[in-house]
Amino acid sequence: EPKMEGPWVFKRNGIYYYTMPEDNRILTYYTASSPIGPWKYRGVIMDDEHESNNHHSIVQFKGQWILFYHRWLLDETSPCSTKRQRKICAEYLHFNEDGTIQKVVRTDAGVGPVR
């Protein structure tokens, strides 16, 4: 059984979503018609990066769903520039017609200005 830490639960269009970073790295999700389950495994939202942990949250803002997460990136301006530092990031989250979540790819731009 994978190590489970940092779960996030939300509801959209009558479906409950339970998301979590399995093994603290790969964001996966489950769905249910009730907040107490039963839960069905649905797949990966975001792959691992640098074998580092990835904690997250998912919210709807101005009609758009957004995945907030952190990356571990080198920061030349940091006193610890030889080690990766946590960076807060956000990407749009998209759903298919059946309510499943499309896999999210990390970008350098992120969501940009939300209008």
PDB file of N, CA and C in Angstrom:
ATOM      1  N   GLU A   1       0.846  -1.179   0.000  1.00  0.00           N
ATOM      2  CA  GLU A   1       0.000   0.000   0.000  1.00  0.00           C
ATOM      3  C   GLU A   1       0.889   1.239   0.000  1.00  0.00           C
ATOM      4  N   PRO A   2       0.590   2.227  -0.844  1.00  0.00           N
ATOM      5  CA  PRO A   2       1.463   3.411  -0.920  1.00  0.00           C
ATOM      6  C   PRO A   2       1.369   4.267   0.331  1.00  0.00           C
ATOM      7  N   LYS A   3       2.448   4.974   0.619  1.00  0.00           N
ATOM      8  CA  LYS A   3       2.446   5.943   1.709  1.00  0.00           C
ATOM      9  C   LYS A   3       1.465   7.045   1.342  1.00  0.00           C
ATOM     10  N   MET A   4       0.575   7.394   2.252  1.00  0.00           N
ATOM     11  CA  MET A   4      -0.457   8.396   1.960  1.00  0.00           C
ATOM     12  C   MET A   4      -0.301   9.578   2.905  1.00  0.00           C
ATOM     13  N   GLU A   5      -0.197  10.758   2.328  1.00  0.00           N
ATOM     14  CA  GLU A   5      -0.025  11.968   3.118  1.00  0.00           C
ATOM     15  C   GLU A   5      -0.575  13.140   2.326  1.00  0.00           C
ATOM     16  N   GLY A   6      -1.143  14.113   2.989  1.00  0.00           N
ATOM     17  CA  GLY A   6      -1.591  15.332   2.336  1.00  0.00           C
ATOM     18  C   GLY A   6      -2.784  15.165   1.418  1.00  0.00           C
ATOM     19  N   PRO A   7      -3.858  14.480   1.857  1.00  0.00           N
ATOM     20  CA  PRO A   7      -5.025  14.325   0.976  1.00  0.00           C
ATOM     21  C   PRO A   7      -5.788  15.635   0.809  1.00  0.00           C
ATOM     22  N   TRP A   8      -6.570  15.702  -0.252  1.00  0.00           N
ATOM     23  CA  TRP A   8      -7.435  16.856  -0.517  1.00  0.00           C
ATOM     24  C   TRP A   8      -8.752  16.320  -1.058  1.00  0.00           C
ATOM     25  N   VAL A   9      -9.868  16.816  -0.530  1.00  0.00           N
ATOM     26  CA  VAL A   9     -11.185  16.373  -0.973  1.00  0.00           C
ATOM     27  C   VAL A   9     -11.975  17.582  -1.464  1.00  0.00           C
ATOM     28  N   PHE A  10     -12.672  17.418  -2.597  1.00  0.00           N
ATOM     29  CA  PHE A  10     -13.544  18.472  -3.105  1.00  0.00           C
ATOM     30  C   PHE A  10     -14.712  17.828  -3.845  1.00  0.00           C
ATOM     31  N   LYS A  11     -15.723  18.637  -4.123  1.00  0.00           N
ATOM     32  CA  LYS A  11     -16.912  18.151  -4.812  1.00  0.00           C
ATOM     33  C   LYS A  11     -17.124  18.984  -6.070  1.00  0.00           C
ATOM     34  N   ARG A  12     -17.487  18.298  -7.155  1.00  0.00           N
ATOM     35  CA  ARG A  12     -17.782  18.976  -8.427  1.00  0.00           C
ATOM     36  C   ARG A  12     -18.892  18.197  -9.128  1.00  0.00           C
ATOM     37  N   ASN A  13     -19.957  18.885  -9.498  1.00  0.00           N
ATOM     38  CA  ASN A  13     -21.072  18.285 -10.244  1.00  0.00           C
ATOM     39  C   ASN A  13     -21.568  16.977  -9.618  1.00  0.00           C
ATOM     40  N   GLY A  14     -21.709  16.957  -8.298  1.00  0.00           N
ATOM     41  CA  GLY A  14     -22.235  15.788  -7.600  1.00  0.00           C
ATOM     42  C   GLY A  14     -21.234  14.664  -7.388  1.00  0.00           C
ATOM     43  N   ILE A  15     -19.997  14.845  -7.825  1.00  0.00           N
ATOM     44  CA  ILE A  15     -18.955  13.828  -7.644  1.00  0.00           C
ATOM     45  C   ILE A  15     -17.965  14.322  -6.587  1.00  0.00           C
ATOM     46  N   TYR A  16     -17.651  13.446  -5.637  1.00  0.00           N
ATOM     47  CA  TYR A  16     -16.629  13.741  -4.641  1.00  0.00           C
ATOM     48  C   TYR A  16     -15.297  13.220  -5.163  1.00  0.00           C
ATOM     49  N   TYR A  17     -14.259  14.030  -4.995  1.00  0.00           N
ATOM     50  CA  TYR A  17     -12.915  13.682  -5.443  1.00  0.00           C
ATOM     51  C   TYR A  17     -11.997  13.642  -4.224  1.00  0.00           C
ATOM     52  N   TYR A  18     -11.280  12.553  -4.088  1.00  0.00           N
ATOM     53  CA  TYR A  18     -10.282  12.394  -3.035  1.00  0.00           C
ATOM     54  C   TYR A  18      -8.936  12.339  -3.760  1.00  0.00           C
ATOM     55  N   THR A  19      -8.099  13.343  -3.544  1.00  0.00           N
ATOM     56  CA  THR A  19      -6.805  13.408  -4.214  1.00  0.00           C
ATOM     57  C   THR A  19      -5.701  13.299  -3.183  1.00  0.00           C
ATOM     58  N   MET A  20      -4.581  12.723  -3.604  1.00  0.00           N
ATOM     59  CA  MET A  20      -3.463  12.601  -2.667  1.00  0.00           C
ATOM     60  C   MET A  20      -2.172  12.327  -3.412  1.00  0.00           C
ATOM     61  N   PRO A  21      -1.048  12.695  -2.775  1.00  0.00           N
ATOM     62  CA  PRO A  21       0.252  12.359  -3.350  1.00  0.00           C
ATOM     63  C   PRO A  21       0.677  10.970  -2.868  1.00  0.00           C
ATOM     64  N   GLU A  22       0.452   9.956  -3.696  1.00  0.00           N
ATOM     65  CA  GLU A  22       0.868   8.610  -3.303  1.00  0.00           C
ATOM     66  C   GLU A  22       2.381   8.555  -3.241  1.00  0.00           C
ATOM     67  N   ASP A  23       2.878   7.870  -2.222  1.00  0.00           N
ATOM     68  CA  ASP A  23       4.312   7.831  -1.938  1.00  0.00           C
ATOM     69  C   ASP A  23       4.873   9.242  -1.828  1.00  0.00           C
ATOM     70  N   ASN A  24       4.005  10.206  -1.505  1.00  0.00           N
ATOM     71  CA  ASN A  24       4.370  11.628  -1.343  1.00  0.00           C
ATOM     72  C   ASN A  24       4.841  12.273  -2.636  1.00  0.00           C
ATOM     73  N   ARG A  25       4.619  11.606  -3.796  1.00  0.00           N
ATOM     74  CA  ARG A  25       5.196  12.134  -5.028  1.00  0.00           C
ATOM     75  C   ARG A  25       4.216  12.253  -6.181  1.00  0.00           C
ATOM     76  N   ILE A  26       3.468  11.204  -6.459  1.00  0.00           N
ATOM     77  CA  ILE A  26       2.606  11.144  -7.635  1.00  0.00           C
ATOM     78  C   ILE A  26       1.185  11.501  -7.217  1.00  0.00           C
ATOM     79  N   LEU A  27       0.609  12.567  -7.797  1.00  0.00           N
ATOM     80  CA  LEU A  27      -0.755  12.964  -7.436  1.00  0.00           C
ATOM     81  C   LEU A  27      -1.749  12.031  -8.124  1.00  0.00           C
ATOM     82  N   THR A  28      -2.574  11.372  -7.321  1.00  0.00           N
ATOM     83  CA  THR A  28      -3.585  10.450  -7.835  1.00  0.00           C
ATOM     84  C   THR A  28      -4.946  10.860  -7.297  1.00  0.00           C
ATOM     85  N   TYR A  29      -6.002  10.233  -7.848  1.00  0.00           N
ATOM     86  CA  TYR A  29      -7.337  10.578  -7.344  1.00  0.00           C
ATOM     87  C   TYR A  29      -8.299   9.414  -7.401  1.00  0.00           C
ATOM     88  N   TYR A  30      -9.322   9.550  -6.557  1.00  0.00           N
ATOM     89  CA  TYR A  30     -10.403   8.588  -6.433  1.00  0.00           C
ATOM     90  C   TYR A  30     -11.708   9.370  -6.515  1.00  0.00           C
ATOM     91  N   THR A  31     -12.797   8.734  -6.907  1.00  0.00           N
ATOM     92  CA  THR A  31     -14.097   9.402  -6.940  1.00  0.00           C
ATOM     93  C   THR A  31     -15.134   8.561  -6.210  1.00  0.00           C
ATOM     94  N   ALA A  32     -16.193   9.262  -5.768  1.00  0.00           N
ATOM     95  CA  ALA A  32     -17.311   8.600  -5.088  1.00  0.00           C
ATOM     96  C   ALA A  32     -18.544   9.484  -5.215  1.00  0.00           C
ATOM     97  N   SER A  33     -19.710   8.887  -5.017  1.00  0.00           N
ATOM     98  CA  SER A  33     -20.953   9.665  -5.035  1.00  0.00           C
ATOM     99  C   SER A  33     -21.321  10.138  -3.633  1.00  0.00           C
ATOM    100  N   SER A  34     -20.529   9.757  -2.630  1.00  0.00           N
ATOM    101  CA  SER A  34     -20.753  10.151  -1.237  1.00  0.00           C
ATOM    102  C   SER A  34     -19.402  10.491  -0.615  1.00  0.00           C
ATOM    103  N   PRO A  35     -19.371  11.420   0.339  1.00  0.00           N
ATOM    104  CA  PRO A  35     -18.087  11.763   0.957  1.00  0.00           C
ATOM    105  C   PRO A  35     -17.509  10.629   1.811  1.00  0.00           C
ATOM    106  N   ILE A  36     -18.314   9.608   2.089  1.00  0.00           N
ATOM    107  CA  ILE A  36     -17.795   8.476   2.868  1.00  0.00           C
ATOM    108  C   ILE A  36     -17.542   7.238   1.995  1.00  0.00           C
ATOM    109  N   GLY A  37     -17.622   7.416   0.669  1.00  0.00           N
ATOM    110  CA  GLY A  37     -17.299   6.326  -0.249  1.00  0.00           C
ATOM    111  C   GLY A  37     -18.502   5.477  -0.591  1.00  0.00           C
ATOM    112  N   PRO A  38     -18.253   4.347  -1.226  1.00  0.00           N
ATOM    113  CA  PRO A  38     -16.951   3.769  -1.526  1.00  0.00           C
ATOM    114  C   PRO A  38     -16.219   4.551  -2.623  1.00  0.00           C
ATOM    115  N   TRP A  39     -14.881   4.577  -2.524  1.00  0.00           N
ATOM    116  CA  TRP A  39     -14.036   5.325  -3.434  1.00  0.00           C
ATOM    117  C   TRP A  39     -13.490   4.422  -4.524  1.00  0.00           C
ATOM    118  N   LYS A  40     -13.450   4.941  -5.747  1.00  0.00           N
ATOM    119  CA  LYS A  40     -12.920   4.198  -6.889  1.00  0.00           C
ATOM    120  C   LYS A  40     -11.660   4.895  -7.384  1.00  0.00           C
ATOM    121  N   TYR A  41     -10.572   4.128  -7.489  1.00  0.00           N
ATOM    122  CA  TYR A  41      -9.324   4.683  -8.001  1.00  0.00           C
ATOM    123  C   TYR A  41      -9.517   5.088  -9.458  1.00  0.00           C
ATOM    124  N   ARG A  42      -9.078   6.326  -9.806  1.00  0.00           N
ATOM    125  CA  ARG A  42      -9.289   6.834 -11.163  1.00  0.00           C
ATOM    126  C   ARG A  42      -8.002   7.106 -11.930  1.00  0.00           C
ATOM    127  N   GLY A  43      -6.880   7.258 -11.260  1.00  0.00           N
ATOM    128  CA  GLY A  43      -5.638   7.453 -11.998  1.00  0.00           C
ATOM    129  C   GLY A  43      -4.756   8.562 -11.469  1.00  0.00           C
ATOM    130  N   VAL A  44      -3.788   8.939 -12.289  1.00  0.00           N
ATOM    131  CA  VAL A  44      -2.769   9.925 -11.941  1.00  0.00           C
ATOM    132  C   VAL A  44      -3.170  11.296 -12.467  1.00  0.00           C
ATOM    133  N   ILE A  45      -3.051  12.301 -11.620  1.00  0.00           N
ATOM    134  CA  ILE A  45      -3.275  13.693 -12.025  1.00  0.00           C
ATOM    135  C   ILE A  45      -1.955  14.315 -12.488  1.00  0.00           C
ATOM    136  N   MET A  46      -0.884  14.040 -11.730  1.00  0.00           N
ATOM    137  CA  MET A  46       0.419  14.635 -12.034  1.00  0.00           C
ATOM    138  C   MET A  46       1.522  13.645 -11.673  1.00  0.00           C
ATOM    139  N   ASP A  47       2.473  13.484 -12.588  1.00  0.00           N
ATOM    140  CA  ASP A  47       3.591  12.571 -12.354  1.00  0.00           C
ATOM    141  C   ASP A  47       4.599  13.157 -11.379  1.00  0.00           C
ATOM    142  N   ASP A  48       5.499  12.302 -10.952  1.00  0.00           N
ATOM    143  CA  ASP A  48       6.606  12.646 -10.063  1.00  0.00           C
ATOM    144  C   ASP A  48       7.590  13.571 -10.786  1.00  0.00           C
ATOM    145  N   GLU A  49       8.286  14.391 -10.007  1.00  0.00           N
ATOM    146  CA  GLU A  49       9.347  15.245 -10.554  1.00  0.00           C
ATOM    147  C   GLU A  49      10.509  15.241  -9.569  1.00  0.00           C
ATOM    148  N   HIS A  50      11.694  14.894 -10.006  1.00  0.00           N
ATOM    149  CA  HIS A  50      12.913  14.900  -9.183  1.00  0.00           C
ATOM    150  C   HIS A  50      12.834  13.974  -7.973  1.00  0.00           C
ATOM    151  N   GLU A  51      11.937  12.995  -7.999  1.00  0.00           N
ATOM    152  CA  GLU A  51      11.749  12.099  -6.856  1.00  0.00           C
ATOM    153  C   GLU A  51      11.584  12.896  -5.566  1.00  0.00           C
ATOM    154  N   SER A  52      10.817  13.972  -5.641  1.00  0.00           N
ATOM    155  CA  SER A  52      10.574  14.840  -4.484  1.00  0.00           C
ATOM    156  C   SER A  52       9.091  14.827  -4.136  1.00  0.00           C
ATOM    157  N   ASN A  53       8.793  15.169  -2.885  1.00  0.00           N
ATOM    158  CA  ASN A  53       7.385  15.169  -2.480  1.00  0.00           C
ATOM    159  C   ASN A  53       6.616  16.286  -3.174  1.00  0.00           C
ATOM    160  N   ASN A  54       5.298  16.132  -3.207  1.00  0.00           N
ATOM    161  CA  ASN A  54       4.434  17.103  -3.885  1.00  0.00           C
ATOM    162  C   ASN A  54       3.107  17.171  -3.143  1.00  0.00           C
ATOM    163  N   HIS A  55       2.917  18.210  -2.371  1.00  0.00           N
ATOM    164  CA  HIS A  55       1.641  18.410  -1.694  1.00  0.00           C
ATOM    165  C   HIS A  55       0.829  19.422  -2.489  1.00  0.00           C
ATOM    166  N   HIS A  56      -0.489  19.382  -2.348  1.00  0.00           N
ATOM    167  CA  HIS A  56      -1.338  20.124  -3.276  1.00  0.00           C
ATOM    168  C   HIS A  56      -2.668  20.530  -2.657  1.00  0.00           C
ATOM    169  N   SER A  57      -3.419  21.312  -3.411  1.00  0.00           N
ATOM    170  CA  SER A  57      -4.824  21.615  -3.126  1.00  0.00           C
ATOM    171  C   SER A  57      -5.479  21.933  -4.472  1.00  0.00           C
ATOM    172  N   ILE A  58      -6.802  21.799  -4.522  1.00  0.00           N
ATOM    173  CA  ILE A  58      -7.550  22.055  -5.749  1.00  0.00           C
ATOM    174  C   ILE A  58      -8.747  22.922  -5.393  1.00  0.00           C
ATOM    175  N   VAL A  59      -8.889  24.051  -6.078  1.00  0.00           N
ATOM    176  CA  VAL A  59     -10.002  24.967  -5.807  1.00  0.00           C
ATOM    177  C   VAL A  59     -10.591  25.474  -7.123  1.00  0.00           C
ATOM    178  N   GLN A  60     -11.827  25.932  -7.027  1.00  0.00           N
ATOM    179  CA  GLN A  60     -12.446  26.600  -8.165  1.00  0.00           C
ATOM    180  C   GLN A  60     -12.402  28.095  -7.891  1.00  0.00           C
ATOM    181  N   PHE A  61     -11.901  28.860  -8.869  1.00  0.00           N
ATOM    182  CA  PHE A  61     -11.774  30.306  -8.723  1.00  0.00           C
ATOM    183  C   PHE A  61     -12.228  30.952 -10.020  1.00  0.00           C
ATOM    184  N   LYS A  62     -13.212  31.828  -9.920  1.00  0.00           N
ATOM    185  CA  LYS A  62     -13.754  32.517 -11.091  1.00  0.00           C
ATOM    186  C   LYS A  62     -14.119  31.541 -12.207  1.00  0.00           C
ATOM    187  N   GLY A  63     -14.725  30.418 -11.805  1.00  0.00           N
ATOM    188  CA  GLY A  63     -15.214  29.439 -12.768  1.00  0.00           C
ATOM    189  C   GLY A  63     -14.169  28.502 -13.336  1.00  0.00           C
ATOM    190  N   GLN A  64     -12.919  28.632 -12.892  1.00  0.00           N
ATOM    191  CA  GLN A  64     -11.855  27.764 -13.397  1.00  0.00           C
ATOM    192  C   GLN A  64     -11.273  26.949 -12.241  1.00  0.00           C
ATOM    193  N   TRP A  65     -11.009  25.684 -12.496  1.00  0.00           N
ATOM    194  CA  TRP A  65     -10.404  24.820 -11.490  1.00  0.00           C
ATOM    195  C   TRP A  65      -8.890  24.948 -11.571  1.00  0.00           C
ATOM    196  N   ILE A  66      -8.275  25.083 -10.398  1.00  0.00           N
ATOM    197  CA  ILE A  66      -6.836  25.304 -10.327  1.00  0.00           C
ATOM    198  C   ILE A  66      -6.209  24.309  -9.351  1.00  0.00           C
ATOM    199  N   LEU A  67      -5.109  23.710  -9.771  1.00  0.00           N
ATOM    200  CA  LEU A  67      -4.307  22.825  -8.937  1.00  0.00           C
ATOM    201  C   LEU A  67      -3.123  23.625  -8.416  1.00  0.00           C
ATOM    202  N   PHE A  68      -3.038  23.774  -7.099  1.00  0.00           N
ATOM    203  CA  PHE A  68      -1.879  24.393  -6.465  1.00  0.00           C
ATOM    204  C   PHE A  68      -0.979  23.260  -5.979  1.00  0.00           C
ATOM    205  N   TYR A  69       0.311  23.401  -6.169  1.00  0.00           N
ATOM    206  CA  TYR A  69       1.253  22.361  -5.773  1.00  0.00           C
ATOM    207  C   TYR A  69       2.621  22.989  -5.586  1.00  0.00           C
ATOM    208  N   HIS A  70       3.597  22.196  -5.165  1.00  0.00           N
ATOM    209  CA  HIS A  70       4.949  22.755  -5.110  1.00  0.00           C
ATOM    210  C   HIS A  70       5.915  21.893  -5.906  1.00  0.00           C
ATOM    211  N   ARG A  71       6.901  22.578  -6.426  1.00  0.00           N
ATOM    212  CA  ARG A  71       7.985  21.942  -7.171  1.00  0.00           C
ATOM    213  C   ARG A  71       9.270  22.143  -6.380  1.00  0.00           C
ATOM    214  N   TRP A  72      10.243  21.347  -6.678  1.00  0.00           N
ATOM    215  CA  TRP A  72      11.574  21.496  -6.097  1.00  0.00           C
ATOM    216  C   TRP A  72      12.506  21.925  -7.224  1.00  0.00           C
ATOM    217  N   LEU A  73      12.881  23.219  -7.223  1.00  0.00           N
ATOM    218  CA  LEU A  73      13.698  23.771  -8.304  1.00  0.00           C
ATOM    219  C   LEU A  73      14.945  24.443  -7.744  1.00  0.00           C
ATOM    220  N   LEU A  74      15.991  24.455  -8.551  1.00  0.00           N
ATOM    221  CA  LEU A  74      17.202  25.180  -8.170  1.00  0.00           C
ATOM    222  C   LEU A  74      16.921  26.676  -8.246  1.00  0.00           C
ATOM    223  N   ASP A  75      17.411  27.406  -7.270  1.00  0.00           N
ATOM    224  CA  ASP A  75      17.206  28.852  -7.218  1.00  0.00           C
ATOM    225  C   ASP A  75      18.564  29.515  -7.073  1.00  0.00           C
ATOM    226  N   GLU A  76      19.013  30.113  -8.152  1.00  0.00           N
ATOM    227  CA  GLU A  76      20.344  30.746  -8.171  1.00  0.00           C
ATOM    228  C   GLU A  76      20.454  31.882  -7.149  1.00  0.00           C
ATOM    229  N   THR A  77      19.332  32.485  -6.751  1.00  0.00           N
ATOM    230  CA  THR A  77      19.384  33.614  -5.827  1.00  0.00           C
ATOM    231  C   THR A  77      19.390  33.180  -4.359  1.00  0.00           C
ATOM    232  N   SER A  78      19.178  31.897  -4.116  1.00  0.00           N
ATOM    233  CA  SER A  78      19.115  31.384  -2.748  1.00  0.00           C
ATOM    234  C   SER A  78      20.514  31.163  -2.178  1.00  0.00           C
ATOM    235  N   PRO A  79      20.681  31.398  -0.862  1.00  0.00           N
ATOM    236  CA  PRO A  79      21.974  31.082  -0.234  1.00  0.00           C
ATOM    237  C   PRO A  79      22.314  29.585  -0.358  1.00  0.00           C
ATOM    238  N   CYS A  80      21.289  28.766  -0.570  1.00  0.00           N
ATOM    239  CA  CYS A  80      21.480  27.318  -0.746  1.00  0.00           C
ATOM    240  C   CYS A  80      21.313  26.962  -2.221  1.00  0.00           C
ATOM    241  N   SER A  81      21.958  27.682  -3.106  1.00  0.00           N
ATOM    242  CA  SER A  81      21.716  27.534  -4.542  1.00  0.00           C
ATOM    243  C   SER A  81      22.107  26.165  -5.102  1.00  0.00           C
ATOM    244  N   THR A  82      22.798  25.352  -4.312  1.00  0.00           N
ATOM    245  CA  THR A  82      23.156  24.019  -4.794  1.00  0.00           C
ATOM    246  C   THR A  82      22.088  22.983  -4.458  1.00  0.00           C
ATOM    247  N   LYS A  83      21.076  23.379  -3.706  1.00  0.00           N
ATOM    248  CA  LYS A  83      19.998  22.459  -3.339  1.00  0.00           C
ATOM    249  C   LYS A  83      18.684  22.965  -3.915  1.00  0.00           C
ATOM    250  N   ARG A  84      17.812  22.054  -4.294  1.00  0.00           N
ATOM    251  CA  ARG A  84      16.490  22.444  -4.786  1.00  0.00           C
ATOM    252  C   ARG A  84      15.670  23.026  -3.639  1.00  0.00           C
ATOM    253  N   GLN A  85      14.897  24.061  -3.967  1.00  0.00           N
ATOM    254  CA  GLN A  85      14.031  24.727  -3.003  1.00  0.00           C
ATOM    255  C   GLN A  85      12.579  24.556  -3.425  1.00  0.00           C
ATOM    256  N   ARG A  86      11.661  24.532  -2.467  1.00  0.00           N
ATOM    257  CA  ARG A  86      10.235  24.440  -2.798  1.00  0.00           C
ATOM    258  C   ARG A  86       9.763  25.734  -3.445  1.00  0.00           C
ATOM    259  N   LYS A  87       9.004  25.583  -4.507  1.00  0.00           N
ATOM    260  CA  LYS A  87       8.407  26.727  -5.207  1.00  0.00           C
ATOM    261  C   LYS A  87       6.916  26.455  -5.349  1.00  0.00           C
ATOM    262  N   ILE A  88       6.096  27.410  -4.964  1.00  0.00           N
ATOM    263  CA  ILE A  88       4.650  27.273  -5.081  1.00  0.00           C
ATOM    264  C   ILE A  88       4.262  27.491  -6.544  1.00  0.00           C
ATOM    265  N   CYS A  89       3.413  26.598  -7.073  1.00  0.00           N
ATOM    266  CA  CYS A  89       3.002  26.666  -8.473  1.00  0.00           C
ATOM    267  C   CYS A  89       1.503  26.423  -8.588  1.00  0.00           C
ATOM    268  N   ALA A  90       0.946  26.790  -9.725  1.00  0.00           N
ATOM    269  CA  ALA A  90      -0.475  26.554  -9.992  1.00  0.00           C
ATOM    270  C   ALA A  90      -0.664  26.277 -11.477  1.00  0.00           C
ATOM    271  N   GLU A  91      -1.499  25.295 -11.766  1.00  0.00           N
ATOM    272  CA  GLU A  91      -1.851  24.946 -13.147  1.00  0.00           C
ATOM    273  C   GLU A  91      -3.367  24.786 -13.221  1.00  0.00           C
ATOM    274  N   TYR A  92      -3.923  25.018 -14.390  1.00  0.00           N
ATOM    275  CA  TYR A  92      -5.346  24.778 -14.580  1.00  0.00           C
ATOM    276  C   TYR A  92      -5.622  23.276 -14.552  1.00  0.00           C
ATOM    277  N   LEU A  93      -6.745  22.921 -13.967  1.00  0.00           N
ATOM    278  CA  LEU A  93      -7.180  21.531 -13.908  1.00  0.00           C
ATOM    279  C   LEU A  93      -8.385  21.396 -14.830  1.00  0.00           C
ATOM    280  N   HIS A  94      -8.351  20.418 -15.730  1.00  0.00           N
ATOM    281  CA  HIS A  94      -9.425  20.234 -16.697  1.00  0.00           C
ATOM    282  C   HIS A  94     -10.086  18.877 -16.496  1.00  0.00           C
ATOM    283  N   PHE A  95     -11.396  18.855 -16.688  1.00  0.00           N
ATOM    284  CA  PHE A  95     -12.193  17.645 -16.514  1.00  0.00           C
ATOM    285  C   PHE A  95     -12.732  17.188 -17.868  1.00  0.00           C
ATOM    286  N   ASN A  96     -12.868  15.883 -18.024  1.00  0.00           N
ATOM    287  CA  ASN A  96     -13.525  15.310 -19.192  1.00  0.00           C
ATOM    288  C   ASN A  96     -15.027  15.309 -18.951  1.00  0.00           C
ATOM    289  N   GLU A  97     -15.809  15.055 -19.998  1.00  0.00           N
ATOM    290  CA  GLU A  97     -17.271  15.027 -19.904  1.00  0.00           C
ATOM    291  C   GLU A  97     -17.772  14.086 -18.810  1.00  0.00           C
ATOM    292  N   ASP A  98     -17.086  12.955 -18.629  1.00  0.00           N
ATOM    293  CA  ASP A  98     -17.514  11.956 -17.641  1.00  0.00           C
ATOM    294  C   ASP A  98     -17.055  12.274 -16.228  1.00  0.00           C
ATOM    295  N   GLY A  99     -16.400  13.424 -16.023  1.00  0.00           N
ATOM    296  CA  GLY A  99     -15.959  13.831 -14.693  1.00  0.00           C
ATOM    297  C   GLY A  99     -14.544  13.412 -14.350  1.00  0.00           C
ATOM    298  N   THR A 100     -13.905  12.620 -15.212  1.00  0.00           N
ATOM    299  CA  THR A 100     -12.519  12.254 -14.943  1.00  0.00           C
ATOM    300  C   THR A 100     -11.624  13.481 -15.152  1.00  0.00           C
ATOM    301  N   ILE A 101     -10.466  13.441 -14.505  1.00  0.00           N
ATOM    302  CA  ILE A 101      -9.539  14.567 -14.549  1.00  0.00           C
ATOM    303  C   ILE A 101      -8.460  14.307 -15.595  1.00  0.00           C
ATOM    304  N   GLN A 102      -8.193  15.327 -16.402  1.00  0.00           N
ATOM    305  CA  GLN A 102      -7.117  15.228 -17.388  1.00  0.00           C
ATOM    306  C   GLN A 102      -5.775  15.396 -16.674  1.00  0.00           C
ATOM    307  N   LYS A 103      -4.780  14.662 -17.115  1.00  0.00           N
ATOM    308  CA  LYS A 103      -3.460  14.739 -16.510  1.00  0.00           C
ATOM    309  C   LYS A 103      -2.892  16.152 -16.670  1.00  0.00           C
ATOM    310  N   VAL A 104      -2.268  16.636 -15.606  1.00  0.00           N
ATOM    311  CA  VAL A 104      -1.698  17.982 -15.588  1.00  0.00           C
ATOM    312  C   VAL A 104      -0.202  17.902 -15.884  1.00  0.00           C
ATOM    313  N   VAL A 105       0.246  18.770 -16.770  1.00  0.00           N
ATOM    314  CA  VAL A 105       1.668  18.879 -17.090  1.00  0.00           C
ATOM    315  C   VAL A 105       2.189  20.172 -16.479  1.00  0.00           C
ATOM    316  N   ARG A 106       3.297  20.079 -15.770  1.00  0.00           N
ATOM    317  CA  ARG A 106       3.888  21.279 -15.178  1.00  0.00           C
ATOM    318  C   ARG A 106       4.378  22.211 -16.290  1.00  0.00           C
ATOM    319  N   THR A 107       4.161  23.517 -16.082  1.00  0.00           N
ATOM    320  CA  THR A 107       4.679  24.504 -17.024  1.00  0.00           C
ATOM    321  C   THR A 107       5.435  25.572 -16.255  1.00  0.00           C
ATOM    322  N   ASP A 108       6.304  26.292 -16.928  1.00  0.00           N
ATOM    323  CA  ASP A 108       7.001  27.394 -16.275  1.00  0.00           C
ATOM    324  C   ASP A 108       6.075  28.585 -16.083  1.00  0.00           C
ATOM    325  N   ALA A 109       5.081  28.734 -16.964  1.00  0.00           N
ATOM    326  CA  ALA A 109       4.161  29.869 -16.901  1.00  0.00           C
ATOM    327  C   ALA A 109       3.076  29.692 -15.847  1.00  0.00           C
ATOM    328  N   GLY A 110       2.639  28.447 -15.600  1.00  0.00           N
ATOM    329  CA  GLY A 110       1.548  28.227 -14.650  1.00  0.00           C
ATOM    330  C   GLY A 110       0.247  28.828 -15.173  1.00  0.00           C
ATOM    331  N   VAL A 111      -0.599  29.287 -14.263  1.00  0.00           N
ATOM    332  CA  VAL A 111      -1.898  29.836 -14.679  1.00  0.00           C
ATOM    333  C   VAL A 111      -1.795  31.246 -15.211  1.00  0.00           C
ATOM    334  N   GLY A 112      -0.744  31.972 -14.875  1.00  0.00           N
ATOM    335  CA  GLY A 112      -0.654  33.368 -15.301  1.00  0.00           C
ATOM    336  C   GLY A 112      -1.739  34.188 -14.602  1.00  0.00           C
ATOM    337  N   PRO A 113      -2.013  35.393 -15.082  1.00  0.00           N
ATOM    338  CA  PRO A 113      -3.062  36.197 -14.468  1.00  0.00           C
ATOM    339  C   PRO A 113      -4.435  35.560 -14.660  1.00  0.00           C
ATOM    340  N   VAL A 114      -5.203  35.400 -13.595  1.00  0.00           N
ATOM    341  CA  VAL A 114      -6.549  34.836 -13.686  1.00  0.00           C
ATOM    342  C   VAL A 114      -7.525  35.974 -13.808  1.00  0.00           C
ATOM    343  N   ARG A 115      -8.334  35.944 -14.865  1.00  0.00           N
ATOM    344  CA  ARG A 115      -9.274  37.033 -15.110  1.00  0.00           C
ATOM    345  C   ARG A 115     -10.685  36.592 -14.836  1.00  0.00           C
TER     346      ARG A 115
END
